Amino acid sequence: MADGTGRLFVLEQAGRVQVVQNGQVLPAPYLDITDRVGSSGNEQGLLGLDFHPRYTENGFFYANYTDRNGDTVIARFQVSPDDPNRADPDPFIRPRPPFAAQHGSRDEERSRISHRHASDRFAPRHFSA
């Protein structure tokens, strides 16, 4: 995943995001939320990251992860104003769907509602320029 600066962002299931710049992994993680990510299951952990369409202006990005209870969380974070290679680990928004993640569930309606709930209300929108 890239943000337009030439850096690559590598997600670790345990809850860290590393920056690769000029082919080297930077010593400090961009984001470390291992204290709140539950990653004991196969489909758990830090699952995704997406940059706000105006990331270069506002520094917002979104992370999708499972918390220690197994619930899906989509949270909005912001890059540090002092260091573009570090993010503030305290989220601005931390909405929670009303029930646990339904990966591989037979209850398709409940899963569909969970994904719609999260994507309709909290996921970033992508616009073509």
Protein backbone atom coordinates (compact mmCIF):
# COMPACT_ATOMS: atom_id res chain seq x y z
CA MET A 1 0.00 0.00 0.00
CA ALA A 2 1.35 3.44 -0.89
CA ASP A 3 0.37 7.03 -0.11
CA GLY A 4 1.80 8.79 -3.15
CA THR A 5 5.16 9.66 -1.55
CA GLY A 6 7.07 6.60 -2.72
CA ARG A 7 6.82 4.98 0.71
CA LEU A 8 5.22 1.57 1.15
CA PHE A 9 3.14 0.67 4.19
CA VAL A 10 3.27 -2.94 5.34
CA LEU A 11 0.63 -4.27 7.72
CA GLU A 12 1.44 -6.87 10.34
CA GLN A 13 -1.43 -9.00 11.58
CA ALA A 14 -0.42 -8.36 15.20
CA GLY A 15 -1.24 -4.64 14.83
CA ARG A 16 1.78 -2.79 13.47
CA VAL A 17 2.19 -0.81 10.26
CA GLN A 18 5.75 -0.53 9.03
CA VAL A 19 7.07 2.01 6.52
CA VAL A 20 9.41 0.93 3.74
CA GLN A 21 11.31 3.87 2.30
CA ASN A 22 14.03 3.58 -0.33
CA GLY A 23 13.91 -0.20 0.06
CA GLN A 24 14.55 -0.11 3.83
CA VAL A 25 12.12 -0.74 6.71
CA LEU A 26 12.23 2.28 9.01
CA PRO A 27 13.25 1.46 12.61
CA ALA A 28 10.05 2.71 14.28
CA PRO A 29 6.59 1.56 13.15
CA TYR A 30 4.23 4.05 11.52
CA LEU A 31 1.45 2.76 13.77
CA ASP A 32 1.51 0.30 16.66
CA ILE A 33 -1.87 -0.76 18.04
CA THR A 34 -0.84 -4.22 19.19
CA ASP A 35 -2.24 -3.44 22.64
CA ARG A 36 -5.81 -3.41 21.29
CA VAL A 37 -5.67 -5.85 18.36
CA GLY A 38 -6.76 -9.45 18.81
CA SER A 39 -4.85 -11.62 16.39
CA SER A 40 -5.14 -15.14 17.76
CA GLY A 41 -7.44 -16.38 14.99
CA ASN A 42 -6.89 -16.96 11.32
CA GLU A 43 -9.11 -14.07 10.17
CA GLN A 44 -8.25 -11.70 13.00
CA GLY A 45 -5.77 -8.93 13.59
CA LEU A 46 -4.97 -5.80 11.63
CA LEU A 47 -6.89 -6.53 8.44
CA GLY A 48 -6.69 -3.39 6.35
CA LEU A 49 -5.58 0.20 5.99
CA ASP A 50 -6.80 2.91 3.65
CA PHE A 51 -5.80 6.52 3.19
CA HIS A 52 -8.36 9.33 3.16
CA PRO A 53 -8.74 10.79 -0.36
CA ARG A 54 -7.18 14.03 0.97
CA TYR A 55 -4.53 12.28 3.11
CA THR A 56 -1.81 14.68 1.98
CA GLU A 57 -3.94 17.57 3.32
CA ASN A 58 -5.50 16.14 6.49
CA GLY A 59 -3.33 13.12 7.38
CA PHE A 60 -6.33 10.87 8.03
CA PHE A 61 -6.28 7.15 7.39
CA TYR A 62 -8.49 4.25 8.40
CA ALA A 63 -7.59 0.91 9.93
CA ASN A 64 -9.78 -2.17 10.04
CA TYR A 65 -8.93 -4.63 12.79
CA THR A 66 -10.41 -7.08 15.24
CA ASP A 67 -10.17 -6.09 18.88
CA ARG A 68 -9.30 -8.42 21.74
CA ASN A 69 -12.98 -9.47 21.98
CA GLY A 70 -13.04 -10.50 18.32
CA ASP A 71 -15.20 -7.52 17.29
CA THR A 72 -14.52 -5.68 14.06
CA VAL A 73 -13.32 -2.10 14.47
CA ILE A 74 -12.88 0.53 11.79
CA ALA A 75 -11.02 3.47 13.28
CA ARG A 76 -9.78 6.75 11.85
CA PHE A 77 -6.24 7.80 12.78
CA GLN A 78 -4.05 10.75 11.87
CA VAL A 79 -0.39 11.04 10.97
CA SER A 80 1.80 12.91 13.45
CA PRO A 81 2.13 16.61 12.61
CA ASP A 82 5.83 16.38 13.59
CA ASP A 83 6.85 13.18 11.77
CA PRO A 84 5.29 11.93 8.51
CA ASN A 85 6.59 8.43 9.31
CA ARG A 86 4.65 8.13 12.57
CA ALA A 87 0.94 8.17 13.35
CA ASP A 88 -0.91 9.02 16.53
CA PRO A 89 -2.06 5.65 17.98
CA ASP A 90 -5.16 7.25 19.55
CA PRO A 91 -8.02 7.05 17.06
CA PHE A 92 -10.26 9.98 16.24
CA ILE A 93 -13.22 7.71 15.54
CA ARG A 94 -13.64 4.19 16.83
CA PRO A 95 -17.13 3.01 15.83
CA ARG A 96 -18.11 -0.57 16.54
CA PRO A 97 -20.52 -2.70 14.58
CA PRO A 98 -23.23 -4.13 16.81
CA PHE A 99 -21.81 -7.66 16.83
CA ALA A 100 -18.67 -9.70 16.30
CA ALA A 101 -17.11 -10.24 12.91
CA GLN A 102 -18.81 -12.94 10.86
CA HIS A 103 -15.95 -14.29 8.77
CA GLY A 104 -17.10 -17.44 7.05
CA SER A 105 -20.45 -17.45 8.83
CA ARG A 106 -23.50 -19.21 7.44
CA ASP A 107 -25.56 -16.31 8.72
CA GLU A 108 -25.19 -14.38 5.44
CA GLU A 109 -27.81 -11.72 6.26
CA ARG A 110 -26.13 -10.79 9.53
CA SER A 111 -22.74 -10.66 7.82
CA ARG A 112 -24.12 -8.56 4.95
CA ILE A 113 -25.64 -6.09 7.42
CA SER A 114 -22.36 -5.89 9.37
CA HIS A 115 -20.34 -5.12 6.26
CA ARG A 116 -22.95 -2.65 4.98
CA HIS A 117 -23.08 -0.97 8.39
CA ALA A 118 -19.34 -0.47 8.46
CA SER A 119 -18.87 0.50 4.83
CA ASP A 120 -21.87 2.83 4.57
CA ARG A 121 -21.14 4.78 7.71
CA PHE A 122 -17.42 4.72 8.35
CA ALA A 123 -15.30 3.55 5.45
CA PRO A 124 -13.46 6.11 3.37
CA ARG A 125 -14.87 6.95 -0.02
CA HIS A 126 -12.75 6.80 -3.14
CA PHE A 127 -13.24 9.39 -5.84
CA SER A 128 -11.57 9.50 -9.20
CA ALA A 129 -9.83 12.75 -10.05
